[in-house]
Every structure is written in C-alpha cells, then in structure tokens.
N, C-alpha and C. Protein backbone atom coordinates (compact mmCIF):
# COMPACT_ATOMS: atom_id res chain seq x y z
N MET A 1 11.31 -13.76 29.17
CA MET A 1 10.56 -13.81 27.92
C MET A 1 10.35 -15.26 27.52
N THR A 2 9.14 -15.59 27.08
CA THR A 2 8.82 -16.96 26.69
C THR A 2 8.43 -17.01 25.23
N THR A 3 8.44 -18.20 24.70
CA THR A 3 8.03 -18.41 23.32
C THR A 3 7.18 -19.66 23.25
N SER A 4 6.24 -19.68 22.34
CA SER A 4 5.37 -20.84 22.16
C SER A 4 5.48 -21.31 20.73
N SER A 5 5.20 -22.58 20.51
CA SER A 5 5.28 -23.14 19.17
C SER A 5 4.14 -24.10 18.94
N ILE A 6 3.64 -24.10 17.69
CA ILE A 6 2.60 -25.02 17.26
C ILE A 6 3.10 -25.70 16.01
N SER A 7 3.11 -27.00 15.99
CA SER A 7 3.65 -27.73 14.85
C SER A 7 2.53 -28.48 14.14
N GLY A 8 2.64 -28.48 12.80
CA GLY A 8 1.69 -29.25 12.00
C GLY A 8 0.26 -28.79 12.20
N ASN A 9 -0.66 -29.74 12.19
CA ASN A 9 -2.07 -29.44 12.37
C ASN A 9 -2.51 -29.64 13.82
N SER A 10 -1.56 -29.75 14.73
CA SER A 10 -1.88 -30.01 16.13
C SER A 10 -2.55 -28.79 16.75
N SER A 11 -3.49 -29.04 17.65
CA SER A 11 -4.17 -27.96 18.36
C SER A 11 -3.47 -27.63 19.67
N SER A 12 -2.40 -28.34 19.99
CA SER A 12 -1.66 -28.09 21.22
C SER A 12 -0.43 -27.24 20.94
N TYR A 13 0.16 -26.69 21.99
CA TYR A 13 1.34 -25.87 21.82
C TYR A 13 2.19 -25.98 23.08
N SER A 14 3.41 -25.52 22.98
CA SER A 14 4.33 -25.56 24.12
C SER A 14 4.89 -24.18 24.38
N ILE A 15 5.22 -23.89 25.62
CA ILE A 15 5.79 -22.60 26.02
C ILE A 15 7.13 -22.85 26.68
N VAL A 16 8.17 -22.24 26.16
CA VAL A 16 9.52 -22.41 26.69
C VAL A 16 10.17 -21.04 26.80
N GLU A 17 11.28 -20.98 27.50
CA GLU A 17 12.01 -19.73 27.63
C GLU A 17 12.73 -19.42 26.33
N HIS A 18 12.65 -18.16 25.90
CA HIS A 18 13.27 -17.76 24.65
C HIS A 18 14.79 -17.83 24.78
N PRO A 19 15.46 -18.47 23.82
CA PRO A 19 16.93 -18.63 23.94
C PRO A 19 17.68 -17.31 23.87
N LYS A 20 17.10 -16.27 23.25
CA LYS A 20 17.79 -14.99 23.14
C LYS A 20 17.46 -14.04 24.29
N GLY A 21 16.62 -14.47 25.20
CA GLY A 21 16.30 -13.62 26.34
C GLY A 21 15.29 -12.55 26.00
N ASP A 22 15.28 -11.47 26.77
CA ASP A 22 14.32 -10.39 26.61
C ASP A 22 14.80 -9.44 25.51
N THR A 23 14.37 -9.70 24.27
CA THR A 23 14.81 -8.89 23.13
C THR A 23 13.78 -7.84 22.74
N LEU A 24 12.55 -7.95 23.24
CA LEU A 24 11.50 -6.99 22.92
C LEU A 24 11.21 -6.11 24.13
N LYS A 25 11.18 -4.81 23.90
CA LYS A 25 10.83 -3.89 24.97
C LYS A 25 9.32 -3.85 25.19
N ARG A 26 8.58 -4.10 24.11
CA ARG A 26 7.13 -4.02 24.19
C ARG A 26 6.50 -4.82 23.07
N GLY A 27 5.34 -5.39 23.33
CA GLY A 27 4.60 -6.08 22.28
C GLY A 27 4.97 -7.54 22.13
N THR A 28 4.49 -8.13 21.06
CA THR A 28 4.69 -9.55 20.79
C THR A 28 5.18 -9.74 19.37
N ARG A 29 6.16 -10.57 19.19
CA ARG A 29 6.65 -10.90 17.86
C ARG A 29 6.14 -12.27 17.46
N VAL A 30 5.54 -12.34 16.27
CA VAL A 30 5.02 -13.60 15.75
C VAL A 30 5.84 -13.97 14.51
N SER A 31 6.51 -15.11 14.54
CA SER A 31 7.31 -15.58 13.41
C SER A 31 6.62 -16.78 12.79
N LEU A 32 6.38 -16.69 11.49
CA LEU A 32 5.73 -17.77 10.76
C LEU A 32 6.74 -18.47 9.87
N HIS A 33 6.74 -19.78 9.91
CA HIS A 33 7.60 -20.59 9.05
C HIS A 33 6.71 -21.29 8.03
N LEU A 34 6.89 -20.93 6.76
CA LEU A 34 6.02 -21.42 5.70
C LEU A 34 6.61 -22.63 5.01
N LYS A 35 5.71 -23.50 4.58
CA LYS A 35 6.13 -24.64 3.77
C LYS A 35 6.45 -24.15 2.35
N ASP A 36 7.14 -24.98 1.60
CA ASP A 36 7.54 -24.59 0.25
C ASP A 36 6.34 -24.27 -0.63
N GLU A 37 5.26 -25.02 -0.46
CA GLU A 37 4.08 -24.80 -1.31
C GLU A 37 3.29 -23.57 -0.89
N ALA A 38 3.68 -22.93 0.22
CA ALA A 38 2.96 -21.75 0.70
C ALA A 38 3.80 -20.48 0.58
N LEU A 39 4.89 -20.53 -0.17
CA LEU A 39 5.77 -19.37 -0.29
C LEU A 39 5.11 -18.21 -1.02
N ASP A 40 3.99 -18.48 -1.70
CA ASP A 40 3.27 -17.41 -2.38
C ASP A 40 2.78 -16.35 -1.39
N PHE A 41 2.60 -16.75 -0.13
CA PHE A 41 2.14 -15.80 0.89
C PHE A 41 3.23 -14.81 1.29
N LEU A 42 4.43 -14.97 0.79
CA LEU A 42 5.49 -14.01 1.03
C LEU A 42 5.53 -12.91 -0.02
N GLU A 43 4.74 -13.09 -1.09
CA GLU A 43 4.72 -12.08 -2.15
C GLU A 43 4.06 -10.80 -1.63
N GLU A 44 4.62 -9.68 -2.01
CA GLU A 44 4.12 -8.39 -1.53
C GLU A 44 2.67 -8.16 -1.92
N ASP A 45 2.31 -8.45 -3.17
CA ASP A 45 0.93 -8.25 -3.62
C ASP A 45 -0.04 -9.16 -2.88
N THR A 46 0.38 -10.39 -2.58
CA THR A 46 -0.48 -11.32 -1.85
C THR A 46 -0.77 -10.80 -0.45
N ILE A 47 0.25 -10.30 0.23
CA ILE A 47 0.06 -9.77 1.58
C ILE A 47 -0.87 -8.56 1.55
N LYS A 48 -0.67 -7.66 0.60
CA LYS A 48 -1.52 -6.48 0.51
C LYS A 48 -2.97 -6.85 0.25
N ASN A 49 -3.19 -7.82 -0.64
CA ASN A 49 -4.56 -8.24 -0.94
C ASN A 49 -5.24 -8.88 0.26
N LEU A 50 -4.49 -9.66 1.04
CA LEU A 50 -5.06 -10.30 2.22
C LEU A 50 -5.42 -9.26 3.29
N VAL A 51 -4.55 -8.28 3.47
CA VAL A 51 -4.84 -7.23 4.45
C VAL A 51 -6.05 -6.42 4.01
N LYS A 52 -6.12 -6.10 2.73
CA LYS A 52 -7.26 -5.34 2.22
C LYS A 52 -8.56 -6.11 2.37
N LYS A 53 -8.51 -7.41 2.17
CA LYS A 53 -9.73 -8.21 2.21
C LYS A 53 -10.22 -8.46 3.63
N TYR A 54 -9.30 -8.73 4.56
CA TYR A 54 -9.71 -9.17 5.89
C TYR A 54 -9.47 -8.16 7.01
N SER A 55 -8.51 -7.27 6.86
CA SER A 55 -8.13 -6.42 7.99
C SER A 55 -7.96 -4.96 7.59
N GLN A 56 -8.68 -4.52 6.58
CA GLN A 56 -8.49 -3.17 6.07
C GLN A 56 -8.95 -2.09 7.04
N PHE A 57 -9.90 -2.44 7.92
CA PHE A 57 -10.52 -1.41 8.75
C PHE A 57 -10.26 -1.57 10.24
N ILE A 58 -9.36 -2.45 10.62
CA ILE A 58 -9.09 -2.60 12.05
C ILE A 58 -8.34 -1.37 12.56
N ASN A 59 -8.45 -1.13 13.87
CA ASN A 59 -7.90 0.10 14.45
C ASN A 59 -6.38 0.09 14.54
N PHE A 60 -5.79 -1.08 14.62
CA PHE A 60 -4.33 -1.15 14.78
C PHE A 60 -3.65 -1.06 13.41
N PRO A 61 -2.65 -0.20 13.28
CA PRO A 61 -1.99 -0.04 11.98
C PRO A 61 -1.21 -1.28 11.57
N ILE A 62 -1.25 -1.59 10.30
CA ILE A 62 -0.51 -2.72 9.73
C ILE A 62 0.48 -2.16 8.72
N TYR A 63 1.76 -2.39 8.95
CA TYR A 63 2.81 -1.89 8.07
C TYR A 63 3.49 -3.05 7.36
N LEU A 64 3.92 -2.79 6.14
CA LEU A 64 4.66 -3.78 5.35
C LEU A 64 5.98 -3.16 4.89
N TRP A 65 7.07 -3.87 5.15
CA TRP A 65 8.39 -3.42 4.70
C TRP A 65 8.49 -3.68 3.21
N SER A 66 8.37 -2.63 2.42
CA SER A 66 8.29 -2.80 0.97
C SER A 66 9.19 -1.79 0.27
N SER A 67 9.39 -2.02 -1.00
CA SER A 67 10.26 -1.16 -1.80
C SER A 67 9.46 -0.41 -2.84
N LYS A 68 9.99 0.72 -3.25
CA LYS A 68 9.40 1.47 -4.35
C LYS A 68 10.51 2.21 -5.09
N VAL A 69 10.26 2.54 -6.33
CA VAL A 69 11.25 3.20 -7.18
C VAL A 69 10.90 4.68 -7.27
N VAL A 70 11.85 5.53 -6.94
CA VAL A 70 11.67 6.97 -7.03
C VAL A 70 12.76 7.56 -7.91
N GLN A 71 12.52 8.76 -8.41
CA GLN A 71 13.51 9.44 -9.23
C GLN A 71 14.28 10.45 -8.39
N VAL A 72 15.59 10.38 -8.49
CA VAL A 72 16.47 11.29 -7.74
C VAL A 72 17.47 11.90 -8.72
N ASP A 73 18.14 12.97 -8.27
CA ASP A 73 19.17 13.61 -9.09
C ASP A 73 20.40 12.72 -9.18
N GLU A 74 20.91 12.56 -10.39
CA GLU A 74 22.11 11.76 -10.58
C GLU A 74 23.33 12.51 -10.06
N ASP A 75 24.20 11.79 -9.37
CA ASP A 75 25.42 12.41 -8.84
C ASP A 75 26.28 12.94 -9.98
N ASP A 76 26.85 14.10 -9.75
CA ASP A 76 27.71 14.70 -10.76
C ASP A 76 29.08 14.02 -10.72
N VAL A 77 29.30 13.08 -11.66
CA VAL A 77 30.54 12.30 -11.65
C VAL A 77 31.75 13.16 -11.96
N ASP A 78 31.54 14.30 -12.62
CA ASP A 78 32.67 15.15 -12.96
C ASP A 78 33.33 15.74 -11.72
N GLU A 79 32.56 15.84 -10.63
CA GLU A 79 33.12 16.42 -9.41
C GLU A 79 34.17 15.51 -8.79
N ASN A 80 34.16 14.22 -9.13
CA ASN A 80 35.11 13.27 -8.56
C ASN A 80 36.36 13.10 -9.43
N VAL A 81 36.47 13.85 -10.52
CA VAL A 81 37.62 13.73 -11.40
C VAL A 81 38.83 14.37 -10.73
N PRO A 82 40.02 13.72 -10.75
CA PRO A 82 41.22 14.31 -10.13
C PRO A 82 41.56 15.66 -10.73
N ALA A 83 42.28 16.48 -9.95
CA ALA A 83 42.59 17.85 -10.38
C ALA A 83 43.40 17.86 -11.66
N SER A 84 44.35 16.91 -11.80
CA SER A 84 45.20 16.88 -12.99
C SER A 84 44.38 16.68 -14.24
N LYS A 85 43.39 15.82 -14.18
CA LYS A 85 42.54 15.57 -15.35
C LYS A 85 41.67 16.78 -15.64
N GLU A 86 41.25 17.47 -14.59
CA GLU A 86 40.44 18.67 -14.80
C GLU A 86 41.28 19.73 -15.51
N ASP A 87 42.56 19.86 -15.11
CA ASP A 87 43.42 20.85 -15.76
C ASP A 87 43.62 20.51 -17.23
N GLU A 88 43.80 19.20 -17.49
CA GLU A 88 43.95 18.76 -18.89
C GLU A 88 42.72 19.11 -19.69
N SER A 89 41.57 18.88 -19.09
CA SER A 89 40.32 19.15 -19.78
C SER A 89 40.18 20.63 -20.10
N LYS A 90 40.56 21.48 -19.14
CA LYS A 90 40.47 22.92 -19.37
C LYS A 90 41.43 23.35 -20.48
N LYS A 91 42.61 22.73 -20.49
CA LYS A 91 43.60 23.08 -21.51
C LYS A 91 43.10 22.74 -22.90
N GLU A 92 42.51 21.56 -23.03
CA GLU A 92 41.98 21.14 -24.32
C GLU A 92 40.84 22.05 -24.76
N GLU A 93 40.02 22.47 -23.79
CA GLU A 93 38.91 23.35 -24.14
C GLU A 93 39.42 24.71 -24.61
N SER A 94 40.48 25.20 -23.96
CA SER A 94 41.03 26.50 -24.35
C SER A 94 41.65 26.44 -25.74
N GLU A 95 42.24 25.30 -26.07
CA GLU A 95 42.84 25.15 -27.39
C GLU A 95 41.78 25.02 -28.47
N ASP A 96 40.64 24.55 -28.08
CA ASP A 96 39.57 24.32 -29.07
C ASP A 96 38.40 25.25 -28.79
N LYS A 97 38.73 26.47 -28.42
CA LYS A 97 37.71 27.42 -27.98
C LYS A 97 36.81 27.84 -29.13
N VAL A 98 35.55 27.99 -28.82
CA VAL A 98 34.58 28.42 -29.82
C VAL A 98 33.97 29.73 -29.36
N ASP A 99 33.02 30.22 -30.09
CA ASP A 99 32.43 31.51 -29.75
C ASP A 99 31.55 31.40 -28.50
N GLU A 100 31.07 32.54 -28.02
CA GLU A 100 30.32 32.59 -26.77
C GLU A 100 29.02 31.78 -26.84
N GLU A 101 28.43 31.74 -28.00
CA GLU A 101 27.18 30.99 -28.14
C GLU A 101 27.42 29.50 -27.94
N GLU A 102 28.53 28.99 -28.48
CA GLU A 102 28.87 27.59 -28.30
C GLU A 102 29.16 27.29 -26.83
N ASP A 103 29.86 28.23 -26.16
CA ASP A 103 30.15 28.04 -24.73
C ASP A 103 28.86 27.96 -23.92
N ALA A 104 27.89 28.79 -24.30
CA ALA A 104 26.61 28.78 -23.58
C ALA A 104 25.91 27.43 -23.74
N LYS A 105 26.01 26.87 -24.96
CA LYS A 105 25.38 25.57 -25.20
C LYS A 105 26.04 24.48 -24.36
N VAL A 106 27.37 24.56 -24.25
CA VAL A 106 28.09 23.57 -23.45
C VAL A 106 27.68 23.68 -21.98
N GLU A 107 27.57 24.93 -21.49
CA GLU A 107 27.17 25.13 -20.10
C GLU A 107 25.77 24.59 -19.85
N ASP A 108 24.86 24.83 -20.82
CA ASP A 108 23.50 24.31 -20.67
C ASP A 108 23.50 22.79 -20.63
N ALA A 109 24.35 22.18 -21.47
CA ALA A 109 24.42 20.72 -21.50
C ALA A 109 24.96 20.18 -20.18
N GLU A 110 25.97 20.88 -19.61
CA GLU A 110 26.52 20.44 -18.34
C GLU A 110 25.50 20.57 -17.22
N GLU A 111 24.73 21.68 -17.26
CA GLU A 111 23.71 21.88 -16.23
C GLU A 111 22.63 20.82 -16.33
N GLU A 112 22.26 20.48 -17.57
CA GLU A 112 21.25 19.43 -17.77
C GLU A 112 21.77 18.09 -17.27
N LYS A 113 23.06 17.84 -17.47
CA LYS A 113 23.65 16.59 -17.01
C LYS A 113 23.63 16.49 -15.50
N LYS A 114 23.87 17.63 -14.82
CA LYS A 114 23.88 17.63 -13.37
C LYS A 114 22.51 17.35 -12.79
N THR A 115 21.45 17.78 -13.49
CA THR A 115 20.09 17.60 -12.97
C THR A 115 19.39 16.39 -13.57
N LYS A 116 20.13 15.50 -14.18
CA LYS A 116 19.53 14.31 -14.77
C LYS A 116 18.94 13.42 -13.69
N LYS A 117 17.76 12.89 -13.96
CA LYS A 117 17.06 12.04 -13.00
C LYS A 117 17.36 10.57 -13.27
N VAL A 118 17.55 9.82 -12.20
CA VAL A 118 17.77 8.38 -12.31
C VAL A 118 16.85 7.67 -11.34
N ASP A 119 16.53 6.42 -11.63
CA ASP A 119 15.67 5.62 -10.76
C ASP A 119 16.47 5.07 -9.58
N LYS A 120 15.85 5.10 -8.42
CA LYS A 120 16.49 4.58 -7.22
C LYS A 120 15.46 3.80 -6.41
N THR A 121 15.84 2.62 -5.96
CA THR A 121 14.96 1.78 -5.15
C THR A 121 15.18 2.08 -3.68
N ILE A 122 14.10 2.44 -2.99
CA ILE A 122 14.18 2.72 -1.56
C ILE A 122 13.23 1.79 -0.81
N TRP A 123 13.57 1.48 0.43
CA TRP A 123 12.77 0.61 1.28
C TRP A 123 12.22 1.42 2.45
N ASP A 124 10.96 1.16 2.77
CA ASP A 124 10.34 1.87 3.88
C ASP A 124 9.09 1.10 4.32
N TRP A 125 8.58 1.46 5.50
CA TRP A 125 7.36 0.84 6.00
C TRP A 125 6.15 1.49 5.33
N GLU A 126 5.28 0.68 4.74
CA GLU A 126 4.08 1.18 4.05
C GLU A 126 2.84 0.81 4.87
N LEU A 127 2.03 1.82 5.18
CA LEU A 127 0.79 1.59 5.93
C LEU A 127 -0.26 1.00 5.00
N LEU A 128 -0.80 -0.17 5.35
CA LEU A 128 -1.73 -0.87 4.47
C LEU A 128 -3.19 -0.63 4.81
N ASN A 129 -3.49 -0.25 6.04
CA ASN A 129 -4.90 -0.10 6.43
C ASN A 129 -5.18 1.32 6.91
N ASP A 130 -5.12 2.27 5.97
CA ASP A 130 -5.35 3.67 6.32
C ASP A 130 -6.80 4.09 6.17
N SER A 131 -7.69 3.19 5.73
CA SER A 131 -9.11 3.50 5.60
C SER A 131 -9.82 3.32 6.94
N LYS A 132 -10.77 4.18 7.21
CA LYS A 132 -11.52 4.11 8.46
C LYS A 132 -12.92 3.56 8.20
N PRO A 133 -13.45 2.74 9.12
CA PRO A 133 -14.79 2.15 8.94
C PRO A 133 -15.88 3.18 9.21
N ILE A 134 -16.16 4.05 8.24
CA ILE A 134 -17.11 5.14 8.49
C ILE A 134 -18.54 4.64 8.65
N TRP A 135 -18.83 3.40 8.27
CA TRP A 135 -20.19 2.89 8.46
C TRP A 135 -20.53 2.72 9.94
N THR A 136 -19.51 2.70 10.79
CA THR A 136 -19.76 2.56 12.23
C THR A 136 -20.17 3.89 12.86
N LEU A 137 -20.04 4.99 12.12
CA LEU A 137 -20.41 6.31 12.63
C LEU A 137 -21.87 6.61 12.32
N LYS A 138 -22.39 7.63 12.97
CA LYS A 138 -23.74 8.08 12.67
C LYS A 138 -23.74 8.78 11.31
N PRO A 139 -24.75 8.54 10.47
CA PRO A 139 -24.78 9.21 9.15
C PRO A 139 -24.67 10.72 9.25
N SER A 140 -25.21 11.31 10.31
CA SER A 140 -25.16 12.77 10.46
C SER A 140 -23.75 13.27 10.77
N ASP A 141 -22.86 12.37 11.17
CA ASP A 141 -21.49 12.77 11.52
C ASP A 141 -20.51 12.59 10.36
N VAL A 142 -20.99 12.10 9.23
CA VAL A 142 -20.11 11.82 8.09
C VAL A 142 -20.40 12.81 6.96
N GLU A 143 -19.38 13.46 6.45
CA GLU A 143 -19.54 14.41 5.36
C GLU A 143 -19.45 13.70 4.01
N ASP A 144 -19.93 14.38 2.97
CA ASP A 144 -19.92 13.79 1.63
C ASP A 144 -18.50 13.47 1.18
N LYS A 145 -17.56 14.33 1.51
CA LYS A 145 -16.17 14.08 1.11
C LYS A 145 -15.66 12.79 1.73
N ASP A 146 -16.04 12.52 2.98
CA ASP A 146 -15.61 11.29 3.64
C ASP A 146 -16.19 10.07 2.94
N TYR A 147 -17.47 10.17 2.54
CA TYR A 147 -18.09 9.07 1.80
C TYR A 147 -17.37 8.83 0.48
N ASN A 148 -17.09 9.90 -0.24
CA ASN A 148 -16.45 9.77 -1.56
C ASN A 148 -15.04 9.20 -1.44
N ASP A 149 -14.28 9.68 -0.46
CA ASP A 149 -12.92 9.17 -0.26
C ASP A 149 -12.95 7.70 0.14
N PHE A 150 -13.90 7.34 0.99
CA PHE A 150 -14.02 5.95 1.41
C PHE A 150 -14.39 5.05 0.23
N TYR A 151 -15.32 5.51 -0.59
CA TYR A 151 -15.74 4.73 -1.76
C TYR A 151 -14.58 4.50 -2.72
N LYS A 152 -13.80 5.54 -2.98
CA LYS A 152 -12.68 5.41 -3.91
C LYS A 152 -11.60 4.48 -3.36
N ALA A 153 -11.35 4.58 -2.05
CA ALA A 153 -10.35 3.70 -1.45
C ALA A 153 -10.81 2.25 -1.44
N LEU A 154 -12.11 2.04 -1.31
CA LEU A 154 -12.65 0.69 -1.23
C LEU A 154 -12.73 0.02 -2.60
N THR A 155 -13.12 0.79 -3.61
CA THR A 155 -13.38 0.21 -4.94
C THR A 155 -12.30 0.52 -5.96
N LYS A 156 -11.39 1.45 -5.65
CA LYS A 156 -10.36 1.91 -6.59
C LYS A 156 -10.98 2.63 -7.79
N ASP A 157 -12.21 3.10 -7.64
CA ASP A 157 -12.86 3.88 -8.68
C ASP A 157 -12.33 5.31 -8.63
N THR A 158 -12.20 5.94 -9.79
CA THR A 158 -11.68 7.31 -9.83
C THR A 158 -12.79 8.35 -9.72
N GLN A 159 -14.04 7.93 -9.87
CA GLN A 159 -15.17 8.84 -9.81
C GLN A 159 -15.90 8.71 -8.48
N ASP A 160 -16.62 9.76 -8.11
CA ASP A 160 -17.47 9.70 -6.93
C ASP A 160 -18.65 8.78 -7.20
N PRO A 161 -19.25 8.19 -6.18
CA PRO A 161 -20.41 7.32 -6.40
C PRO A 161 -21.62 8.12 -6.87
N LEU A 162 -22.50 7.45 -7.60
CA LEU A 162 -23.73 8.09 -8.06
C LEU A 162 -24.67 8.37 -6.89
N ALA A 163 -24.77 7.42 -5.98
CA ALA A 163 -25.64 7.56 -4.81
C ALA A 163 -25.11 6.68 -3.69
N LYS A 164 -25.61 6.94 -2.50
CA LYS A 164 -25.20 6.15 -1.32
C LYS A 164 -26.39 6.00 -0.38
N ILE A 165 -26.38 4.94 0.40
CA ILE A 165 -27.40 4.70 1.43
C ILE A 165 -26.67 4.29 2.70
N HIS A 166 -26.88 5.05 3.76
CA HIS A 166 -26.23 4.78 5.04
C HIS A 166 -27.29 4.83 6.12
N PHE A 167 -27.51 3.71 6.80
CA PHE A 167 -28.56 3.68 7.82
C PHE A 167 -28.19 2.70 8.93
N VAL A 168 -28.90 2.83 10.04
CA VAL A 168 -28.73 1.96 11.20
C VAL A 168 -30.06 1.28 11.47
N ALA A 169 -30.07 -0.04 11.52
CA ALA A 169 -31.28 -0.82 11.82
C ALA A 169 -31.19 -1.34 13.24
N GLU A 170 -32.21 -1.05 14.03
CA GLU A 170 -32.23 -1.47 15.43
C GLU A 170 -33.44 -2.34 15.69
N GLY A 171 -33.26 -3.39 16.45
CA GLY A 171 -34.32 -4.33 16.77
C GLY A 171 -33.73 -5.51 17.51
N GLU A 172 -34.26 -6.70 17.22
CA GLU A 172 -33.66 -7.90 17.81
C GLU A 172 -32.21 -8.05 17.37
N VAL A 173 -31.97 -7.64 16.13
CA VAL A 173 -30.60 -7.62 15.60
C VAL A 173 -30.30 -6.19 15.15
N THR A 174 -29.24 -5.63 15.66
CA THR A 174 -28.85 -4.27 15.30
C THR A 174 -27.64 -4.32 14.37
N PHE A 175 -27.74 -3.59 13.27
CA PHE A 175 -26.61 -3.55 12.34
C PHE A 175 -26.59 -2.19 11.64
N LYS A 176 -25.43 -1.87 11.10
CA LYS A 176 -25.23 -0.62 10.36
C LYS A 176 -24.86 -0.97 8.92
N SER A 177 -25.44 -0.25 7.99
CA SER A 177 -25.23 -0.57 6.57
C SER A 177 -24.82 0.66 5.78
N LEU A 178 -24.00 0.42 4.79
CA LEU A 178 -23.56 1.47 3.88
C LEU A 178 -23.46 0.88 2.48
N PHE A 179 -24.26 1.39 1.56
CA PHE A 179 -24.28 0.91 0.18
C PHE A 179 -23.92 2.05 -0.76
N PHE A 180 -23.16 1.71 -1.80
CA PHE A 180 -22.79 2.68 -2.83
C PHE A 180 -23.28 2.18 -4.19
N ILE A 181 -23.70 3.13 -5.03
CA ILE A 181 -24.05 2.83 -6.42
C ILE A 181 -23.07 3.58 -7.31
N PRO A 182 -22.30 2.89 -8.15
CA PRO A 182 -21.31 3.56 -8.99
C PRO A 182 -21.96 4.35 -10.12
N LYS A 183 -21.25 5.34 -10.62
CA LYS A 183 -21.77 6.14 -11.73
C LYS A 183 -21.80 5.36 -13.03
N VAL A 184 -20.80 4.52 -13.23
CA VAL A 184 -20.69 3.76 -14.48
C VAL A 184 -21.00 2.30 -14.18
N GLN A 185 -21.95 1.76 -14.92
CA GLN A 185 -22.33 0.36 -14.72
C GLN A 185 -21.34 -0.55 -15.43
N PRO A 186 -20.85 -1.60 -14.77
CA PRO A 186 -19.92 -2.53 -15.42
C PRO A 186 -20.53 -3.11 -16.69
N SER A 187 -19.72 -3.26 -17.72
CA SER A 187 -20.22 -3.70 -19.02
C SER A 187 -20.79 -5.11 -18.99
N ASP A 188 -20.28 -5.97 -18.10
CA ASP A 188 -20.74 -7.36 -18.06
C ASP A 188 -21.67 -7.63 -16.89
N SER A 189 -22.29 -6.58 -16.34
CA SER A 189 -23.13 -6.77 -15.16
C SER A 189 -24.35 -7.63 -15.46
N PHE A 190 -24.93 -7.50 -16.65
CA PHE A 190 -26.11 -8.31 -16.98
C PHE A 190 -25.73 -9.77 -17.21
N ASN A 191 -24.54 -10.01 -17.76
CA ASN A 191 -24.11 -11.39 -17.98
C ASN A 191 -23.84 -12.12 -16.67
N ARG A 192 -23.45 -11.37 -15.65
CA ARG A 192 -23.14 -11.98 -14.36
C ARG A 192 -24.27 -11.84 -13.36
N TYR A 193 -25.44 -11.43 -13.82
CA TYR A 193 -26.56 -11.20 -12.90
C TYR A 193 -26.91 -12.49 -12.16
N GLY A 194 -26.93 -12.40 -10.84
CA GLY A 194 -27.28 -13.55 -10.02
C GLY A 194 -26.13 -14.49 -9.73
N THR A 195 -24.95 -14.22 -10.30
CA THR A 195 -23.81 -15.12 -10.10
C THR A 195 -22.72 -14.50 -9.24
N LYS A 196 -22.59 -13.19 -9.26
CA LYS A 196 -21.53 -12.53 -8.50
C LYS A 196 -22.06 -12.15 -7.13
N ALA A 197 -21.38 -12.64 -6.08
CA ALA A 197 -21.90 -12.45 -4.72
C ALA A 197 -20.89 -11.82 -3.78
N ASP A 198 -19.90 -11.08 -4.31
CA ASP A 198 -18.89 -10.50 -3.43
C ASP A 198 -18.89 -8.98 -3.44
N ASN A 199 -19.97 -8.37 -3.95
CA ASN A 199 -20.07 -6.92 -3.93
C ASN A 199 -20.63 -6.40 -2.61
N ILE A 200 -21.16 -7.29 -1.78
CA ILE A 200 -21.66 -6.93 -0.45
C ILE A 200 -20.88 -7.75 0.56
N LYS A 201 -20.32 -7.08 1.53
CA LYS A 201 -19.51 -7.76 2.54
C LYS A 201 -20.10 -7.54 3.92
N LEU A 202 -20.02 -8.57 4.75
CA LEU A 202 -20.49 -8.51 6.13
C LEU A 202 -19.28 -8.41 7.05
N TYR A 203 -19.26 -7.36 7.88
CA TYR A 203 -18.16 -7.15 8.82
C TYR A 203 -18.66 -7.34 10.24
N VAL A 204 -17.86 -8.03 11.03
CA VAL A 204 -18.11 -8.19 12.46
C VAL A 204 -16.87 -7.67 13.19
N CYS A 205 -17.07 -6.67 14.05
CA CYS A 205 -15.94 -6.02 14.74
C CYS A 205 -14.92 -5.51 13.73
N VAL A 206 -15.42 -4.88 12.66
CA VAL A 206 -14.67 -4.27 11.56
C VAL A 206 -13.72 -5.24 10.87
N CYS A 207 -13.90 -6.54 11.06
CA CYS A 207 -13.17 -7.56 10.31
C CYS A 207 -14.16 -8.28 9.41
N VAL A 208 -13.77 -8.53 8.16
CA VAL A 208 -14.69 -9.15 7.23
C VAL A 208 -15.07 -10.54 7.71
N PHE A 209 -16.38 -10.79 7.78
CA PHE A 209 -16.89 -12.07 8.23
C PHE A 209 -17.31 -12.94 7.05
N SER A 210 -17.89 -12.30 6.04
CA SER A 210 -18.30 -13.04 4.85
C SER A 210 -18.43 -12.07 3.69
N SER A 211 -18.04 -12.54 2.50
CA SER A 211 -18.21 -11.76 1.28
C SER A 211 -19.13 -12.46 0.30
N GLN A 212 -19.71 -13.58 0.72
CA GLN A 212 -20.63 -14.34 -0.13
C GLN A 212 -22.06 -14.02 0.28
N ILE A 213 -22.49 -12.81 -0.04
CA ILE A 213 -23.83 -12.36 0.30
C ILE A 213 -24.66 -12.32 -0.97
N ASN A 214 -25.76 -13.08 -0.99
CA ASN A 214 -26.64 -13.09 -2.16
C ASN A 214 -28.09 -13.09 -1.71
N SER A 215 -29.00 -13.25 -2.64
CA SER A 215 -30.43 -13.19 -2.34
C SER A 215 -30.89 -14.33 -1.46
N GLN A 216 -30.11 -15.41 -1.38
CA GLN A 216 -30.50 -16.56 -0.57
C GLN A 216 -29.97 -16.46 0.86
N THR A 217 -29.11 -15.46 1.12
CA THR A 217 -28.49 -15.34 2.44
C THR A 217 -29.47 -14.76 3.46
C-alpha cells in the first residue's frame, strides 16, 4: 500500500510506502489536514451544504458521520433498588394505605414514569446525496410524482411546483433541461429582478459546473 502527499500550493506530490501497511481491503482513503483558518469546513452544516451544491446528484453515495437527538424510554431506576429498600418501601406503603382509588392513581403514576421519554444523542452514517438526476432521463420515463419529489428535495419547498418544463435539445450542442415554476412567488422577487443569478444551474456529468446563469450568459 502506498500513500501520496501534496504540501502547500505545490503542484507536485510524492508517493511512499504507507507506514501502517495494507490497512484497507478495498478503495482509497483520503485524509485532509486543514489549516486553522479553514476549520469551518469541519462543521457539519458546511459539509452538507457543499455536498448539496456540488455533488448532490453523483452516482456514488456520500455519507457523513453525524449525530441526531431521538426520544427513547427512560430506564426504570426503581428496578435497580436493592431488595431491602424495596421491602422498606412496601412496609411504609402498607402502613400508609389508602383506598383503592388512590392505589390506582399511584399505579398510573408509576406506569407513566416507566414510559417517560428522554432525549438521547445517537451517531450514525447519514446519506447526503439521495436525490437522482431525473433531468438525464427521457421526459416520457418520468412520472409526475418523481418531478414533485425532486422539486421538493431541490428547493426545500413544501408544495408541488405550479408547472414544469423538461426537454432535450439536440444539434451542434446537445443538452437536457428541466425548469420548475413555484406556486408561490417570492415576496422580494421584483426587488431582485436582474440581480439574482443562482436559480438556474448548469451541470456537467451531474456535477454542478456553474450557478451564475443570467441573461448575458
């Protein structure tokens, strides 16, 4: 197994034998060492935004080791109480016994305590590029549901698009296009008319090539 390194802004690199030997059964491991001023690229949101912008539609899955908070049942701490303390507790309850209705309330409270939910942080691999580049398909092969799901994943809009245009242009230059029109017009669209140029993106080999598309392009 070999390893290569590139230092600074140099365009050259070196290949040496890996000191740990053959540690990978398959594939390639790429380790990046960031400067202090570039530590922002280690932030989870930054990584997700970069993948969404540049590599959202590539065929190879991209996973991120990330955390999320879920609700789980709280452990019943009473089950860990020693037997002697449990006997004491039962004795006190018998001495201070109340009517059946009160006992039922206590049982309900204990049952509610056992099913109490608590927050727990878990770590797992999260798939970041689960959207498929449906514009590469023939329009006749794509259903309306696929268009709507793709639009929502791309724009984070909760509504289906008002209209769509999907076509293939063939000639000296062949390209495939897919345009969506949202149902709700942004409130500041007239104020930004002619200034916002990132609503149309150009993809080459399903990787974003440019997002600065305007009337002069």
